Amino acid sequence: MQVVPAKAAKPTRQKVARVVETQADDLKQISGIGPKLEQVLNGMGVRRYADVALWSDKDVQRIDDQLGFAGRIIAGRLGPQAKALMKG
């Protein structure tokens, strides 16, 4: 069976809009997140203020454990900042 590459489609406005929607926010605007932590969080799929704002207690614990921060990530501190940044 021979695989024939698909013809490249011209990007539509809808496709362009999806790309724009997935652009990362500047997580460094959240107090306590510096350039290195932002890079690590982006690698974990955390790219938008909404990602941080919507963290549940379980998410906070999981991310804290993965990063080895021993309780430094506090949802009560990061979440409200992220929500405020989402509003502009």
N, C-alpha and C. Protein backbone atom coordinates (compact mmCIF):
# COMPACT_ATOMS: atom_id res chain seq x y z
N MET A 1 0.84 -1.17 0.00
CA MET A 1 0.00 0.00 0.00
C MET A 1 0.89 1.24 0.00
N GLN A 2 0.66 2.12 -0.92
CA GLN A 2 1.47 3.33 -1.03
C GLN A 2 0.71 4.50 -0.42
N VAL A 3 1.42 5.27 0.41
CA VAL A 3 0.82 6.43 1.04
C VAL A 3 1.11 7.65 0.18
N VAL A 4 0.04 8.32 -0.20
CA VAL A 4 0.17 9.51 -1.02
C VAL A 4 -0.05 10.72 -0.12
N PRO A 5 0.92 11.65 -0.08
CA PRO A 5 0.75 12.82 0.79
C PRO A 5 -0.45 13.66 0.36
N ALA A 6 -1.16 14.15 1.34
CA ALA A 6 -2.32 14.98 1.06
C ALA A 6 -1.87 16.33 0.52
N LYS A 7 -2.68 16.89 -0.33
CA LYS A 7 -2.39 18.20 -0.90
C LYS A 7 -2.57 19.25 0.21
N ALA A 8 -1.62 20.15 0.31
CA ALA A 8 -1.69 21.19 1.35
C ALA A 8 -2.88 22.11 1.07
N ALA A 9 -3.73 22.24 2.07
CA ALA A 9 -4.91 23.09 1.93
C ALA A 9 -4.55 24.52 2.32
N LYS A 10 -5.21 25.44 1.67
CA LYS A 10 -5.02 26.85 1.99
C LYS A 10 -5.67 27.10 3.36
N PRO A 11 -4.97 27.77 4.28
CA PRO A 11 -5.56 27.98 5.60
C PRO A 11 -6.82 28.85 5.53
N THR A 12 -7.82 28.42 6.26
CA THR A 12 -9.07 29.19 6.31
C THR A 12 -9.04 30.10 7.53
N ARG A 13 -9.97 31.05 7.58
CA ARG A 13 -10.04 31.93 8.75
C ARG A 13 -10.28 31.13 10.02
N GLN A 14 -11.07 30.08 9.89
CA GLN A 14 -11.37 29.25 11.05
C GLN A 14 -10.09 28.60 11.59
N LYS A 15 -9.26 28.07 10.70
CA LYS A 15 -8.01 27.44 11.13
C LYS A 15 -7.07 28.47 11.74
N VAL A 16 -6.99 29.63 11.14
CA VAL A 16 -6.13 30.69 11.67
C VAL A 16 -6.62 31.11 13.05
N ALA A 17 -7.94 31.22 13.23
CA ALA A 17 -8.51 31.60 14.52
C ALA A 17 -8.14 30.59 15.59
N ARG A 18 -8.16 29.30 15.26
CA ARG A 18 -7.79 28.27 16.25
C ARG A 18 -6.34 28.42 16.66
N VAL A 19 -5.47 28.74 15.73
CA VAL A 19 -4.05 28.92 16.06
C VAL A 19 -3.89 30.12 16.99
N VAL A 20 -4.59 31.20 16.71
CA VAL A 20 -4.51 32.39 17.55
C VAL A 20 -5.01 32.07 18.96
N GLU A 21 -6.09 31.29 19.05
CA GLU A 21 -6.66 30.94 20.35
C GLU A 21 -5.69 30.13 21.20
N THR A 22 -4.79 29.39 20.59
CA THR A 22 -3.90 28.52 21.34
C THR A 22 -2.55 29.16 21.65
N GLN A 23 -2.36 30.42 21.26
CA GLN A 23 -1.11 31.09 21.58
C GLN A 23 -0.99 31.22 23.09
N ALA A 24 0.22 31.11 23.57
CA ALA A 24 0.46 31.16 25.01
C ALA A 24 0.35 32.57 25.56
N ASP A 25 -0.18 32.66 26.78
CA ASP A 25 -0.18 33.93 27.52
C ASP A 25 1.20 34.08 28.17
N ASP A 26 1.50 35.28 28.62
CA ASP A 26 2.75 35.54 29.33
C ASP A 26 2.54 35.19 30.80
N LEU A 27 2.78 33.93 31.13
CA LEU A 27 2.55 33.46 32.51
C LEU A 27 3.46 34.15 33.51
N LYS A 28 4.52 34.79 33.05
CA LYS A 28 5.42 35.51 33.95
C LYS A 28 4.73 36.71 34.60
N GLN A 29 3.57 37.09 34.08
CA GLN A 29 2.80 38.18 34.68
C GLN A 29 2.19 37.77 36.01
N ILE A 30 2.17 36.46 36.28
CA ILE A 30 1.66 35.94 37.55
C ILE A 30 2.82 35.94 38.54
N SER A 31 2.65 36.61 39.65
CA SER A 31 3.69 36.69 40.67
C SER A 31 4.10 35.29 41.11
N GLY A 32 5.39 35.03 41.06
CA GLY A 32 5.91 33.72 41.45
C GLY A 32 6.27 32.85 40.27
N ILE A 33 5.91 33.27 39.06
CA ILE A 33 6.26 32.51 37.87
C ILE A 33 7.30 33.31 37.09
N GLY A 34 8.49 32.76 37.01
CA GLY A 34 9.57 33.39 36.26
C GLY A 34 9.75 32.72 34.91
N PRO A 35 10.77 33.12 34.17
CA PRO A 35 10.98 32.57 32.82
C PRO A 35 11.15 31.05 32.79
N LYS A 36 11.90 30.51 33.72
CA LYS A 36 12.15 29.06 33.73
C LYS A 36 10.87 28.29 34.06
N LEU A 37 10.16 28.74 35.09
CA LEU A 37 8.92 28.05 35.47
C LEU A 37 7.88 28.16 34.36
N GLU A 38 7.83 29.32 33.70
CA GLU A 38 6.91 29.46 32.57
C GLU A 38 7.22 28.44 31.49
N GLN A 39 8.50 28.26 31.22
CA GLN A 39 8.93 27.29 30.20
C GLN A 39 8.53 25.88 30.60
N VAL A 40 8.72 25.53 31.86
CA VAL A 40 8.35 24.20 32.35
C VAL A 40 6.84 24.00 32.27
N LEU A 41 6.08 25.00 32.71
CA LEU A 41 4.62 24.90 32.65
C LEU A 41 4.13 24.77 31.22
N ASN A 42 4.71 25.55 30.31
CA ASN A 42 4.35 25.43 28.89
C ASN A 42 4.59 24.02 28.40
N GLY A 43 5.70 23.42 28.82
CA GLY A 43 6.01 22.04 28.44
C GLY A 43 5.01 21.04 29.00
N MET A 44 4.35 21.41 30.10
CA MET A 44 3.34 20.55 30.71
C MET A 44 1.96 20.81 30.12
N GLY A 45 1.88 21.75 29.17
CA GLY A 45 0.60 22.06 28.55
C GLY A 45 -0.13 23.23 29.18
N VAL A 46 0.48 23.87 30.17
CA VAL A 46 -0.11 25.03 30.82
C VAL A 46 0.40 26.26 30.07
N ARG A 47 -0.46 26.85 29.24
CA ARG A 47 -0.02 27.92 28.36
C ARG A 47 -0.86 29.19 28.49
N ARG A 48 -2.00 29.11 29.13
CA ARG A 48 -2.93 30.24 29.18
C ARG A 48 -3.25 30.57 30.64
N TYR A 49 -3.64 31.82 30.87
CA TYR A 49 -4.08 32.21 32.21
C TYR A 49 -5.24 31.33 32.65
N ALA A 50 -6.11 30.98 31.71
CA ALA A 50 -7.27 30.14 32.03
C ALA A 50 -6.84 28.78 32.55
N ASP A 51 -5.73 28.26 32.04
CA ASP A 51 -5.24 26.96 32.51
C ASP A 51 -4.94 27.02 34.01
N VAL A 52 -4.32 28.11 34.45
CA VAL A 52 -3.97 28.29 35.86
C VAL A 52 -5.22 28.63 36.67
N ALA A 53 -6.05 29.49 36.14
CA ALA A 53 -7.25 29.94 36.87
C ALA A 53 -8.20 28.78 37.16
N LEU A 54 -8.20 27.78 36.32
CA LEU A 54 -9.14 26.67 36.47
C LEU A 54 -8.56 25.47 37.21
N TRP A 55 -7.35 25.60 37.76
CA TRP A 55 -6.76 24.49 38.50
C TRP A 55 -7.64 24.13 39.69
N SER A 56 -7.90 22.85 39.82
CA SER A 56 -8.60 22.34 41.01
C SER A 56 -7.54 22.08 42.09
N ASP A 57 -7.98 21.74 43.28
CA ASP A 57 -7.03 21.39 44.34
C ASP A 57 -6.17 20.20 43.93
N LYS A 58 -6.77 19.24 43.23
CA LYS A 58 -6.03 18.07 42.76
C LYS A 58 -4.98 18.47 41.73
N ASP A 59 -5.35 19.40 40.83
CA ASP A 59 -4.39 19.88 39.83
C ASP A 59 -3.20 20.55 40.51
N VAL A 60 -3.49 21.39 41.49
CA VAL A 60 -2.43 22.09 42.21
C VAL A 60 -1.50 21.07 42.86
N GLN A 61 -2.06 20.08 43.51
CA GLN A 61 -1.25 19.05 44.18
C GLN A 61 -0.41 18.27 43.18
N ARG A 62 -1.02 17.89 42.05
CA ARG A 62 -0.31 17.12 41.02
C ARG A 62 0.85 17.93 40.44
N ILE A 63 0.60 19.17 40.10
CA ILE A 63 1.64 20.01 39.51
C ILE A 63 2.72 20.31 40.53
N ASP A 64 2.31 20.57 41.77
CA ASP A 64 3.27 20.81 42.84
C ASP A 64 4.17 19.59 43.02
N ASP A 65 3.58 18.40 43.01
CA ASP A 65 4.36 17.17 43.15
C ASP A 65 5.32 16.98 41.98
N GLN A 66 4.84 17.23 40.76
CA GLN A 66 5.67 17.06 39.57
C GLN A 66 6.86 18.02 39.58
N LEU A 67 6.64 19.22 40.08
CA LEU A 67 7.70 20.22 40.07
C LEU A 67 8.58 20.13 41.31
N GLY A 68 8.13 19.39 42.33
CA GLY A 68 8.91 19.25 43.56
C GLY A 68 8.99 20.54 44.37
N PHE A 69 7.90 21.29 44.40
CA PHE A 69 7.90 22.59 45.06
C PHE A 69 7.50 22.52 46.53
N ALA A 70 7.15 21.38 47.02
CA ALA A 70 6.81 21.20 48.44
C ALA A 70 5.82 22.25 48.95
N GLY A 71 4.71 22.41 48.23
CA GLY A 71 3.65 23.30 48.69
C GLY A 71 3.79 24.75 48.26
N ARG A 72 4.74 25.08 47.41
CA ARG A 72 4.91 26.49 47.00
C ARG A 72 3.82 26.98 46.06
N ILE A 73 3.19 26.06 45.32
CA ILE A 73 2.11 26.48 44.44
C ILE A 73 0.85 26.52 45.27
N ILE A 74 0.30 27.69 45.42
CA ILE A 74 -0.90 27.86 46.23
C ILE A 74 -2.01 28.37 45.32
N ALA A 75 -3.04 27.55 45.16
CA ALA A 75 -4.14 27.92 44.26
C ALA A 75 -4.75 29.25 44.67
N GLY A 76 -4.81 29.52 45.95
CA GLY A 76 -5.39 30.77 46.43
C GLY A 76 -4.59 32.00 46.01
N ARG A 77 -3.33 31.80 45.62
CA ARG A 77 -2.50 32.92 45.22
C ARG A 77 -2.41 33.04 43.70
N LEU A 78 -2.17 31.92 43.03
CA LEU A 78 -1.99 31.95 41.58
C LEU A 78 -3.30 32.07 40.83
N GLY A 79 -4.31 31.36 41.29
CA GLY A 79 -5.61 31.35 40.61
C GLY A 79 -6.23 32.73 40.46
N PRO A 80 -6.35 33.50 41.55
CA PRO A 80 -6.95 34.83 41.43
C PRO A 80 -6.14 35.77 40.52
N GLN A 81 -4.82 35.67 40.56
CA GLN A 81 -4.00 36.50 39.67
C GLN A 81 -4.28 36.15 38.22
N ALA A 82 -4.35 34.84 37.93
CA ALA A 82 -4.60 34.39 36.56
C ALA A 82 -5.98 34.85 36.09
N LYS A 83 -6.98 34.78 36.98
CA LYS A 83 -8.33 35.22 36.61
C LYS A 83 -8.34 36.72 36.29
N ALA A 84 -7.63 37.50 37.09
CA ALA A 84 -7.57 38.94 36.85
C ALA A 84 -6.89 39.24 35.52
N LEU A 85 -5.83 38.51 35.21
CA LEU A 85 -5.13 38.71 33.94
C LEU A 85 -5.99 38.29 32.75
N MET A 86 -6.83 37.29 32.94
CA MET A 86 -7.74 36.86 31.87
C MET A 86 -8.69 37.98 31.48
N LYS A 87 -9.12 38.75 32.46
CA LYS A 87 -10.08 39.83 32.21
C LYS A 87 -9.43 41.02 31.54
N GLY A 88 -8.11 41.07 31.58
CA GLY A 88 -7.40 42.15 30.89
C GLY A 88 -7.00 43.17 31.84
